[in-house]
Amino acid sequence: MIHLEYFLIVSAIMMAAGIFGFLTRRSTLAILLSIELMLNATDLNFAVFNRLLFPDGNEGFFFALFSIAISAAESAIAIAIMINIYRHIKDISVEKLQQMKW
C-alpha cells in the first residue's frame, strides 16, 4: 500500500509547479493551465486528508468532486473570455491586455 505522505509530496510538487507556472508564464492559456494544476493539487489534498482523518468517510471525495465541477465551469468561462480577447486584439498574451484597460 502506498503511504499517504507520498500523495502529499506529489500534491506539494503539483502546487509548486502551478505557482511557478502562474508567476512566470505570459500567455493567458498557460496561466489558466497553472491554475488548474493548483486546483488539482487541492483536490488531491481533499482526498488524502479525508482518508487520513476519516478512513470510512467520503466527505473529502465529495469536496474534490465539487471542486472539479467548479474548475470545469471556471475553465469554460476563462476560455470564452480568451476567445473574446483574441477576437479584439489577435493575441492572448498578458502584455497585450494592457491595451484593453483604456
PDB file of N, CA and C in Angstrom:
ATOM      1  N   MET A   1       0.838  -1.188   0.000  1.00  0.00           N
ATOM      2  CA  MET A   1       0.000   0.000   0.000  1.00  0.00           C
ATOM      3  C   MET A   1       0.883   1.251   0.000  1.00  0.00           C
ATOM      4  N   ILE A   2       0.467   2.250  -0.745  1.00  0.00           N
ATOM      5  CA  ILE A   2       1.223   3.493  -0.836  1.00  0.00           C
ATOM      6  C   ILE A   2       0.910   4.355   0.393  1.00  0.00           C
ATOM      7  N   HIS A   3       1.941   4.900   1.012  1.00  0.00           N
ATOM      8  CA  HIS A   3       1.745   5.753   2.178  1.00  0.00           C
ATOM      9  C   HIS A   3       1.124   7.082   1.763  1.00  0.00           C
ATOM     10  N   LEU A   4       0.355   7.661   2.659  1.00  0.00           N
ATOM     11  CA  LEU A   4      -0.327   8.918   2.361  1.00  0.00           C
ATOM     12  C   LEU A   4       0.646  10.077   2.219  1.00  0.00           C
ATOM     13  N   GLU A   5       1.810   9.963   2.845  1.00  0.00           N
ATOM     14  CA  GLU A   5       2.798  11.032   2.737  1.00  0.00           C
ATOM     15  C   GLU A   5       3.272  11.216   1.300  1.00  0.00           C
ATOM     16  N   TYR A   6       3.323  10.133   0.547  1.00  0.00           N
ATOM     17  CA  TYR A   6       3.731  10.232  -0.857  1.00  0.00           C
ATOM     18  C   TYR A   6       2.738  11.050  -1.665  1.00  0.00           C
ATOM     19  N   PHE A   7       1.470  10.868  -1.376  1.00  0.00           N
ATOM     20  CA  PHE A   7       0.453  11.662  -2.069  1.00  0.00           C
ATOM     21  C   PHE A   7       0.571  13.136  -1.717  1.00  0.00           C
ATOM     22  N   LEU A   8       0.900  13.418  -0.459  1.00  0.00           N
ATOM     23  CA  LEU A   8       1.080  14.809  -0.054  1.00  0.00           C
ATOM     24  C   LEU A   8       2.312  15.426  -0.714  1.00  0.00           C
ATOM     25  N   ILE A   9       3.351  14.643  -0.908  1.00  0.00           N
ATOM     26  CA  ILE A   9       4.536  15.139  -1.600  1.00  0.00           C
ATOM     27  C   ILE A   9       4.206  15.444  -3.056  1.00  0.00           C
ATOM     28  N   VAL A  10       3.469  14.545  -3.704  1.00  0.00           N
ATOM     29  CA  VAL A  10       3.055  14.776  -5.090  1.00  0.00           C
ATOM     30  C   VAL A  10       2.174  16.027  -5.180  1.00  0.00           C
ATOM     31  N   SER A  11       1.285  16.192  -4.215  1.00  0.00           N
ATOM     32  CA  SER A  11       0.423  17.370  -4.193  1.00  0.00           C
ATOM     33  C   SER A  11       1.231  18.650  -4.003  1.00  0.00           C
ATOM     34  N   ALA A  12       2.237  18.610  -3.146  1.00  0.00           N
ATOM     35  CA  ALA A  12       3.081  19.796  -2.935  1.00  0.00           C
ATOM     36  C   ALA A  12       3.877  20.130  -4.194  1.00  0.00           C
ATOM     37  N   ILE A  13       4.353  19.101  -4.901  1.00  0.00           N
ATOM     38  CA  ILE A  13       5.081  19.344  -6.152  1.00  0.00           C
ATOM     39  C   ILE A  13       4.147  19.936  -7.197  1.00  0.00           C
ATOM     40  N   MET A  14       2.921  19.416  -7.273  1.00  0.00           N
ATOM     41  CA  MET A  14       1.942  19.962  -8.221  1.00  0.00           C
ATOM     42  C   MET A  14       1.625  21.419  -7.897  1.00  0.00           C
ATOM     43  N   MET A  15       1.464  21.728  -6.616  1.00  0.00           N
ATOM     44  CA  MET A  15       1.162  23.099  -6.215  1.00  0.00           C
ATOM     45  C   MET A  15       2.332  24.026  -6.539  1.00  0.00           C
ATOM     46  N   ALA A  16       3.546  23.570  -6.272  1.00  0.00           N
ATOM     47  CA  ALA A  16       4.723  24.395  -6.569  1.00  0.00           C
ATOM     48  C   ALA A  16       4.862  24.623  -8.072  1.00  0.00           C
ATOM     49  N   ALA A  17       4.610  23.599  -8.864  1.00  0.00           N
ATOM     50  CA  ALA A  17       4.684  23.756 -10.319  1.00  0.00           C
ATOM     51  C   ALA A  17       3.600  24.711 -10.813  1.00  0.00           C
ATOM     52  N   GLY A  18       2.417  24.647 -10.219  1.00  0.00           N
ATOM     53  CA  GLY A  18       1.345  25.563 -10.599  1.00  0.00           C
ATOM     54  C   GLY A  18       1.656  27.003 -10.244  1.00  0.00           C
ATOM     55  N   ILE A  19       2.205  27.220  -9.069  1.00  0.00           N
ATOM     56  CA  ILE A  19       2.562  28.580  -8.658  1.00  0.00           C
ATOM     57  C   ILE A  19       3.686  29.124  -9.538  1.00  0.00           C
ATOM     58  N   PHE A  20       4.680  28.281  -9.821  1.00  0.00           N
ATOM     59  CA  PHE A  20       5.777  28.703 -10.694  1.00  0.00           C
ATOM     60  C   PHE A  20       5.255  29.055 -12.085  1.00  0.00           C
ATOM     61  N   GLY A  21       4.384  28.223 -12.627  1.00  0.00           N
ATOM     62  CA  GLY A  21       3.815  28.498 -13.943  1.00  0.00           C
ATOM     63  C   GLY A  21       2.967  29.753 -13.955  1.00  0.00           C
ATOM     64  N   PHE A  22       2.215  29.978 -12.894  1.00  0.00           N
ATOM     65  CA  PHE A  22       1.373  31.167 -12.811  1.00  0.00           C
ATOM     66  C   PHE A  22       2.211  32.440 -12.778  1.00  0.00           C
ATOM     67  N   LEU A  23       3.322  32.396 -12.066  1.00  0.00           N
ATOM     68  CA  LEU A  23       4.143  33.592 -11.917  1.00  0.00           C
ATOM     69  C   LEU A  23       5.065  33.858 -13.100  1.00  0.00           C
ATOM     70  N   THR A  24       5.394  32.828 -13.885  1.00  0.00           N
ATOM     71  CA  THR A  24       6.382  33.011 -14.941  1.00  0.00           C
ATOM     72  C   THR A  24       5.801  33.046 -16.349  1.00  0.00           C
ATOM     73  N   ARG A  25       4.615  32.565 -16.567  1.00  0.00           N
ATOM     74  CA  ARG A  25       4.058  32.490 -17.923  1.00  0.00           C
ATOM     75  C   ARG A  25       3.472  33.826 -18.340  1.00  0.00           C
ATOM     76  N   ARG A  26       3.467  34.077 -19.651  1.00  0.00           N
ATOM     77  CA  ARG A  26       2.928  35.312 -20.202  1.00  0.00           C
ATOM     78  C   ARG A  26       1.650  35.080 -21.008  1.00  0.00           C
ATOM     79  N   SER A  27       1.353  33.835 -21.317  1.00  0.00           N
ATOM     80  CA  SER A  27       0.143  33.519 -22.069  1.00  0.00           C
ATOM     81  C   SER A  27      -1.001  33.267 -21.089  1.00  0.00           C
ATOM     82  N   THR A  28      -2.167  33.777 -21.407  1.00  0.00           N
ATOM     83  CA  THR A  28      -3.308  33.572 -20.511  1.00  0.00           C
ATOM     84  C   THR A  28      -3.727  32.106 -20.472  1.00  0.00           C
ATOM     85  N   LEU A  29      -3.526  31.382 -21.555  1.00  0.00           N
ATOM     86  CA  LEU A  29      -3.853  29.956 -21.570  1.00  0.00           C
ATOM     87  C   LEU A  29      -2.914  29.178 -20.653  1.00  0.00           C
ATOM     88  N   ALA A  30      -1.638  29.496 -20.664  1.00  0.00           N
ATOM     89  CA  ALA A  30      -0.678  28.834 -19.773  1.00  0.00           C
ATOM     90  C   ALA A  30      -0.972  29.177 -18.314  1.00  0.00           C
ATOM     91  N   ILE A  31      -1.401  30.395 -18.063  1.00  0.00           N
ATOM     92  CA  ILE A  31      -1.776  30.783 -16.694  1.00  0.00           C
ATOM     93  C   ILE A  31      -3.002  30.005 -16.245  1.00  0.00           C
ATOM     94  N   LEU A  32      -3.959  29.820 -17.145  1.00  0.00           N
ATOM     95  CA  LEU A  32      -5.153  29.036 -16.823  1.00  0.00           C
ATOM     96  C   LEU A  32      -4.773  27.589 -16.509  1.00  0.00           C
ATOM     97  N   LEU A  33      -3.876  27.008 -17.270  1.00  0.00           N
ATOM     98  CA  LEU A  33      -3.436  25.639 -17.000  1.00  0.00           C
ATOM     99  C   LEU A  33      -2.711  25.546 -15.660  1.00  0.00           C
ATOM    100  N   SER A  34      -1.972  26.568 -15.299  1.00  0.00           N
ATOM    101  CA  SER A  34      -1.296  26.578 -13.997  1.00  0.00           C
ATOM    102  C   SER A  34      -2.304  26.639 -12.857  1.00  0.00           C
ATOM    103  N   ILE A  35      -3.341  27.415 -13.034  1.00  0.00           N
ATOM    104  CA  ILE A  35      -4.398  27.480 -12.017  1.00  0.00           C
ATOM    105  C   ILE A  35      -5.091  26.132 -11.887  1.00  0.00           C
ATOM    106  N   GLU A  36      -5.334  25.475 -13.003  1.00  0.00           N
ATOM    107  CA  GLU A  36      -5.948  24.143 -12.964  1.00  0.00           C
ATOM    108  C   GLU A  36      -5.053  23.146 -12.246  1.00  0.00           C
ATOM    109  N   LEU A  37      -3.745  23.251 -12.442  1.00  0.00           N
ATOM    110  CA  LEU A  37      -2.809  22.374 -11.757  1.00  0.00           C
ATOM    111  C   LEU A  37      -2.862  22.593 -10.244  1.00  0.00           C
ATOM    112  N   MET A  38      -2.972  23.849  -9.826  1.00  0.00           N
ATOM    113  CA  MET A  38      -3.089  24.134  -8.398  1.00  0.00           C
ATOM    114  C   MET A  38      -4.403  23.603  -7.833  1.00  0.00           C
ATOM    115  N   LEU A  39      -5.481  23.709  -8.601  1.00  0.00           N
ATOM    116  CA  LEU A  39      -6.766  23.182  -8.138  1.00  0.00           C
ATOM    117  C   LEU A  39      -6.740  21.658  -8.040  1.00  0.00           C
ATOM    118  N   ASN A  40      -6.042  20.997  -8.949  1.00  0.00           N
ATOM    119  CA  ASN A  40      -5.913  19.538  -8.872  1.00  0.00           C
ATOM    120  C   ASN A  40      -5.093  19.116  -7.662  1.00  0.00           C
ATOM    121  N   ALA A  41      -4.083  19.899  -7.311  1.00  0.00           N
ATOM    122  CA  ALA A  41      -3.318  19.614  -6.097  1.00  0.00           C
ATOM    123  C   ALA A  41      -4.212  19.734  -4.861  1.00  0.00           C
ATOM    124  N   THR A  42      -5.094  20.704  -4.878  1.00  0.00           N
ATOM    125  CA  THR A  42      -6.030  20.872  -3.770  1.00  0.00           C
ATOM    126  C   THR A  42      -7.002  19.699  -3.695  1.00  0.00           C
ATOM    127  N   ASP A  43      -7.479  19.222  -4.837  1.00  0.00           N
ATOM    128  CA  ASP A  43      -8.372  18.067  -4.857  1.00  0.00           C
ATOM    129  C   ASP A  43      -7.684  16.824  -4.294  1.00  0.00           C
ATOM    130  N   LEU A  44      -6.428  16.645  -4.637  1.00  0.00           N
ATOM    131  CA  LEU A  44      -5.667  15.516  -4.106  1.00  0.00           C
ATOM    132  C   LEU A  44      -5.531  15.631  -2.591  1.00  0.00           C
ATOM    133  N   ASN A  45      -5.324  16.847  -2.091  1.00  0.00           N
ATOM    134  CA  ASN A  45      -5.251  17.043  -0.640  1.00  0.00           C
ATOM    135  C   ASN A  45      -6.576  16.730   0.036  1.00  0.00           C
ATOM    136  N   PHE A  46      -7.695  17.112  -0.583  1.00  0.00           N
ATOM    137  CA  PHE A  46      -9.009  16.764  -0.025  1.00  0.00           C
ATOM    138  C   PHE A  46      -9.133  15.261   0.157  1.00  0.00           C
ATOM    139  N   ALA A  47      -8.784  14.507  -0.868  1.00  0.00           N
ATOM    140  CA  ALA A  47      -8.918  13.055  -0.810  1.00  0.00           C
ATOM    141  C   ALA A  47      -7.958  12.434   0.209  1.00  0.00           C
ATOM    142  N   VAL A  48      -6.726  12.930   0.259  1.00  0.00           N
ATOM    143  CA  VAL A  48      -5.736  12.354   1.174  1.00  0.00           C
ATOM    144  C   VAL A  48      -6.101  12.632   2.621  1.00  0.00           C
ATOM    145  N   PHE A  49      -6.473  13.873   2.921  1.00  0.00           N
ATOM    146  CA  PHE A  49      -6.811  14.185   4.313  1.00  0.00           C
ATOM    147  C   PHE A  49      -8.116  13.531   4.739  1.00  0.00           C
ATOM    148  N   ASN A  50      -9.012  13.288   3.805  1.00  0.00           N
ATOM    149  CA  ASN A  50     -10.212  12.530   4.133  1.00  0.00           C
ATOM    150  C   ASN A  50      -9.841  11.102   4.521  1.00  0.00           C
ATOM    151  N   ARG A  51      -8.946  10.495   3.760  1.00  0.00           N
ATOM    152  CA  ARG A  51      -8.522   9.124   4.052  1.00  0.00           C
ATOM    153  C   ARG A  51      -7.741   9.075   5.359  1.00  0.00           C
ATOM    154  N   LEU A  52      -6.982  10.124   5.657  1.00  0.00           N
ATOM    155  CA  LEU A  52      -6.167  10.157   6.868  1.00  0.00           C
ATOM    156  C   LEU A  52      -7.018  10.372   8.118  1.00  0.00           C
ATOM    157  N   LEU A  53      -7.947  11.320   8.066  1.00  0.00           N
ATOM    158  CA  LEU A  53      -8.718  11.677   9.252  1.00  0.00           C
ATOM    159  C   LEU A  53      -9.975  10.833   9.438  1.00  0.00           C
ATOM    160  N   PHE A  54     -10.635  10.504   8.339  1.00  0.00           N
ATOM    161  CA  PHE A  54     -11.874   9.730   8.400  1.00  0.00           C
ATOM    162  C   PHE A  54     -11.787   8.567   7.403  1.00  0.00           C
ATOM    163  N   PRO A  55     -11.172   7.457   7.805  1.00  0.00           N
ATOM    164  CA  PRO A  55     -10.927   6.362   6.854  1.00  0.00           C
ATOM    165  C   PRO A  55     -12.195   5.780   6.224  1.00  0.00           C
ATOM    166  N   ASP A  56     -13.315   5.858   6.921  1.00  0.00           N
ATOM    167  CA  ASP A  56     -14.546   5.272   6.374  1.00  0.00           C
ATOM    168  C   ASP A  56     -15.444   6.299   5.708  1.00  0.00           C
ATOM    169  N   GLY A  57     -15.087   7.572   5.760  1.00  0.00           N
ATOM    170  CA  GLY A  57     -15.945   8.625   5.212  1.00  0.00           C
ATOM    171  C   GLY A  57     -15.607   8.953   3.773  1.00  0.00           C
ATOM    172  N   ASN A  58     -16.547   9.619   3.133  1.00  0.00           N
ATOM    173  CA  ASN A  58     -16.372  10.020   1.738  1.00  0.00           C
ATOM    174  C   ASN A  58     -16.485  11.530   1.540  1.00  0.00           C
ATOM    175  N   GLU A  59     -16.425  12.290   2.624  1.00  0.00           N
ATOM    176  CA  GLU A  59     -16.619  13.727   2.520  1.00  0.00           C
ATOM    177  C   GLU A  59     -15.556  14.398   1.659  1.00  0.00           C
ATOM    178  N   GLY A  60     -14.304  14.004   1.814  1.00  0.00           N
ATOM    179  CA  GLY A  60     -13.218  14.588   1.039  1.00  0.00           C
ATOM    180  C   GLY A  60     -13.369  14.328  -0.447  1.00  0.00           C
ATOM    181  N   PHE A  61     -13.882  13.145  -0.779  1.00  0.00           N
ATOM    182  CA  PHE A  61     -14.090  12.826  -2.188  1.00  0.00           C
ATOM    183  C   PHE A  61     -15.223  13.666  -2.780  1.00  0.00           C
ATOM    184  N   PHE A  62     -16.250  13.923  -1.982  1.00  0.00           N
ATOM    185  CA  PHE A  62     -17.330  14.777  -2.466  1.00  0.00           C
ATOM    186  C   PHE A  62     -16.872  16.222  -2.630  1.00  0.00           C
ATOM    187  N   PHE A  63     -16.025  16.688  -1.695  1.00  0.00           N
ATOM    188  CA  PHE A  63     -15.443  18.022  -1.839  1.00  0.00           C
ATOM    189  C   PHE A  63     -14.589  18.106  -3.099  1.00  0.00           C
ATOM    190  N   ALA A  64     -13.816  17.060  -3.351  1.00  0.00           N
ATOM    191  CA  ALA A  64     -12.981  17.031  -4.556  1.00  0.00           C
ATOM    192  C   ALA A  64     -13.846  17.016  -5.812  1.00  0.00           C
ATOM    193  N   LEU A  65     -14.921  16.257  -5.805  1.00  0.00           N
ATOM    194  CA  LEU A  65     -15.826  16.216  -6.950  1.00  0.00           C
ATOM    195  C   LEU A  65     -16.484  17.572  -7.182  1.00  0.00           C
ATOM    196  N   PHE A  66     -16.897  18.228  -6.108  1.00  0.00           N
ATOM    197  CA  PHE A  66     -17.476  19.568  -6.223  1.00  0.00           C
ATOM    198  C   PHE A  66     -16.440  20.560  -6.754  1.00  0.00           C
ATOM    199  N   SER A  67     -15.206  20.440  -6.283  1.00  0.00           N
ATOM    200  CA  SER A  67     -14.136  21.324  -6.750  1.00  0.00           C
ATOM    201  C   SER A  67     -13.825  21.090  -8.226  1.00  0.00           C
ATOM    202  N   ILE A  68     -13.886  19.853  -8.689  1.00  0.00           N
ATOM    203  CA  ILE A  68     -13.661  19.557 -10.103  1.00  0.00           C
ATOM    204  C   ILE A  68     -14.761  20.187 -10.947  1.00  0.00           C
ATOM    205  N   ALA A  69     -16.001  20.141 -10.471  1.00  0.00           N
ATOM    206  CA  ALA A  69     -17.106  20.767 -11.210  1.00  0.00           C
ATOM    207  C   ALA A  69     -16.924  22.279 -11.288  1.00  0.00           C
ATOM    208  N   ILE A  70     -16.510  22.895 -10.192  1.00  0.00           N
ATOM    209  CA  ILE A  70     -16.253  24.332 -10.189  1.00  0.00           C
ATOM    210  C   ILE A  70     -15.095  24.662 -11.120  1.00  0.00           C
ATOM    211  N   SER A  71     -14.056  23.834 -11.124  1.00  0.00           N
ATOM    212  CA  SER A  71     -12.903  24.052 -12.014  1.00  0.00           C
ATOM    213  C   SER A  71     -13.309  23.975 -13.474  1.00  0.00           C
ATOM    214  N   ALA A  72     -14.188  23.043 -13.807  1.00  0.00           N
ATOM    215  CA  ALA A  72     -14.642  22.919 -15.194  1.00  0.00           C
ATOM    216  C   ALA A  72     -15.430  24.151 -15.622  1.00  0.00           C
ATOM    217  N   ALA A  73     -16.282  24.648 -14.745  1.00  0.00           N
ATOM    218  CA  ALA A  73     -17.041  25.860 -15.068  1.00  0.00           C
ATOM    219  C   ALA A  73     -16.114  27.062 -15.195  1.00  0.00           C
ATOM    220  N   GLU A  74     -15.139  27.161 -14.311  1.00  0.00           N
ATOM    221  CA  GLU A  74     -14.168  28.262 -14.380  1.00  0.00           C
ATOM    222  C   GLU A  74     -13.362  28.214 -15.666  1.00  0.00           C
ATOM    223  N   SER A  75     -12.976  27.022 -16.084  1.00  0.00           N
ATOM    224  CA  SER A  75     -12.212  26.883 -17.327  1.00  0.00           C
ATOM    225  C   SER A  75     -13.047  27.283 -18.540  1.00  0.00           C
ATOM    226  N   ALA A  76     -14.303  26.877 -18.557  1.00  0.00           N
ATOM    227  CA  ALA A  76     -15.167  27.226 -19.685  1.00  0.00           C
ATOM    228  C   ALA A  76     -15.354  28.732 -19.798  1.00  0.00           C
ATOM    229  N   ILE A  77     -15.549  29.395 -18.681  1.00  0.00           N
ATOM    230  CA  ILE A  77     -15.709  30.852 -18.694  1.00  0.00           C
ATOM    231  C   ILE A  77     -14.409  31.539 -19.095  1.00  0.00           C
ATOM    232  N   ALA A  78     -13.282  31.057 -18.566  1.00  0.00           N
ATOM    233  CA  ALA A  78     -11.988  31.667 -18.898  1.00  0.00           C
ATOM    234  C   ALA A  78     -11.655  31.492 -20.377  1.00  0.00           C
ATOM    235  N   ILE A  79     -11.949  30.339 -20.939  1.00  0.00           N
ATOM    236  CA  ILE A  79     -11.678  30.126 -22.359  1.00  0.00           C
ATOM    237  C   ILE A  79     -12.591  31.002 -23.215  1.00  0.00           C
ATOM    238  N   ALA A  80     -13.834  31.184 -22.801  1.00  0.00           N
ATOM    239  CA  ALA A  80     -14.724  32.090 -23.530  1.00  0.00           C
ATOM    240  C   ALA A  80     -14.201  33.523 -23.493  1.00  0.00           C
ATOM    241  N   ILE A  81     -13.680  33.945 -22.353  1.00  0.00           N
ATOM    242  CA  ILE A  81     -13.091  35.283 -22.253  1.00  0.00           C
ATOM    243  C   ILE A  81     -11.861  35.393 -23.134  1.00  0.00           C
ATOM    244  N   MET A  82     -11.023  34.342 -23.160  1.00  0.00           N
ATOM    245  CA  MET A  82      -9.828  34.363 -24.010  1.00  0.00           C
ATOM    246  C   MET A  82     -10.192  34.432 -25.493  1.00  0.00           C
ATOM    247  N   ILE A  83     -11.231  33.736 -25.893  1.00  0.00           N
ATOM    248  CA  ILE A  83     -11.673  33.802 -27.293  1.00  0.00           C
ATOM    249  C   ILE A  83     -12.137  35.213 -27.632  1.00  0.00           C
ATOM    250  N   ASN A  84     -12.849  35.841 -26.722  1.00  0.00           N
ATOM    251  CA  ASN A  84     -13.308  37.213 -26.945  1.00  0.00           C
ATOM    252  C   ASN A  84     -12.125  38.179 -27.028  1.00  0.00           C
ATOM    253  N   ILE A  85     -11.133  38.006 -26.180  1.00  0.00           N
ATOM    254  CA  ILE A  85      -9.934  38.843 -26.226  1.00  0.00           C
ATOM    255  C   ILE A  85      -9.201  38.640 -27.540  1.00  0.00           C
ATOM    256  N   TYR A  86      -9.089  37.392 -27.983  1.00  0.00           N
ATOM    257  CA  TYR A  86      -8.390  37.112 -29.228  1.00  0.00           C
ATOM    258  C   TYR A  86      -9.112  37.750 -30.421  1.00  0.00           C
ATOM    259  N   ARG A  87     -10.416  37.795 -30.382  1.00  0.00           N
ATOM    260  CA  ARG A  87     -11.164  38.421 -31.469  1.00  0.00           C
ATOM    261  C   ARG A  87     -10.896  39.920 -31.564  1.00  0.00           C
ATOM    262  N   HIS A  88     -10.634  40.548 -30.430  1.00  0.00           N
ATOM    263  CA  HIS A  88     -10.428  42.001 -30.423  1.00  0.00           C
ATOM    264  C   HIS A  88      -8.991  42.407 -30.713  1.00  0.00           C
ATOM    265  N   ILE A  89      -8.021  41.739 -30.095  1.00  0.00           N
ATOM    266  CA  ILE A  89      -6.636  42.194 -30.242  1.00  0.00           C
ATOM    267  C   ILE A  89      -5.717  41.170 -30.899  1.00  0.00           C
ATOM    268  N   LYS A  90      -6.239  40.025 -31.315  1.00  0.00           N
ATOM    269  CA  LYS A  90      -5.499  38.997 -32.056  1.00  0.00           C
ATOM    270  C   LYS A  90      -4.293  38.440 -31.319  1.00  0.00           C
ATOM    271  N   ASP A  91      -4.307  38.497 -30.004  1.00  0.00           N
ATOM    272  CA  ASP A  91      -3.228  37.938 -29.198  1.00  0.00           C
ATOM    273  C   ASP A  91      -3.771  37.703 -27.794  1.00  0.00           C
ATOM    274  N   ILE A  92      -3.286  36.641 -27.127  1.00  0.00           N
ATOM    275  CA  ILE A  92      -3.774  36.371 -25.775  1.00  0.00           C
ATOM    276  C   ILE A  92      -2.672  36.491 -24.733  1.00  0.00           C
ATOM    277  N   SER A  93      -1.603  37.187 -25.058  1.00  0.00           N
ATOM    278  CA  SER A  93      -0.536  37.372 -24.072  1.00  0.00           C
ATOM    279  C   SER A  93      -0.959  38.437 -23.050  1.00  0.00           C
ATOM    280  N   VAL A  94      -0.384  38.323 -21.880  1.00  0.00           N
ATOM    281  CA  VAL A  94      -0.768  39.216 -20.782  1.00  0.00           C
ATOM    282  C   VAL A  94      -0.347  40.654 -21.072  1.00  0.00           C
ATOM    283  N   GLU A  95       0.767  40.841 -21.768  1.00  0.00           N
ATOM    284  CA  GLU A  95       1.228  42.205 -22.068  1.00  0.00           C
ATOM    285  C   GLU A  95       0.223  42.952 -22.941  1.00  0.00           C
ATOM    286  N   LYS A  96      -0.427  42.259 -23.847  1.00  0.00           N
ATOM    287  CA  LYS A  96      -1.385  42.896 -24.749  1.00  0.00           C
ATOM    288  C   LYS A  96      -2.686  43.274 -24.047  1.00  0.00           C
ATOM    289  N   LEU A  97      -2.930  42.692 -22.880  1.00  0.00           N
ATOM    290  CA  LEU A  97      -4.160  43.014 -22.156  1.00  0.00           C
ATOM    291  C   LEU A  97      -4.138  44.429 -21.575  1.00  0.00           C
ATOM    292  N   GLN A  98      -2.971  45.030 -21.493  1.00  0.00           N
ATOM    293  CA  GLN A  98      -2.879  46.404 -21.010  1.00  0.00           C
ATOM    294  C   GLN A  98      -3.606  47.347 -21.958  1.00  0.00           C
ATOM    295  N   GLN A  99      -3.685  46.983 -23.242  1.00  0.00           N
ATOM    296  CA  GLN A  99      -4.370  47.834 -24.220  1.00  0.00           C
ATOM    297  C   GLN A  99      -5.870  47.909 -23.946  1.00  0.00           C
ATOM    298  N   MET A 100      -6.431  46.896 -23.341  1.00  0.00           N
ATOM    299  CA  MET A 100      -7.871  46.848 -23.132  1.00  0.00           C
ATOM    300  C   MET A 100      -8.313  47.699 -21.938  1.00  0.00           C
ATOM    301  N   LYS A 101      -7.379  48.175 -21.144  1.00  0.00           N
ATOM    302  CA  LYS A 101      -7.752  48.983 -19.992  1.00  0.00           C
ATOM    303  C   LYS A 101      -8.282  50.346 -20.378  1.00  0.00           C
ATOM    304  N   TRP A 102      -7.759  50.930 -21.451  1.00  0.00           N
ATOM    305  CA  TRP A 102      -8.124  52.296 -21.802  1.00  0.00           C
ATOM    306  C   TRP A 102      -8.958  52.325 -23.031  1.00  0.00           C
TER     307      TRP A 102
END
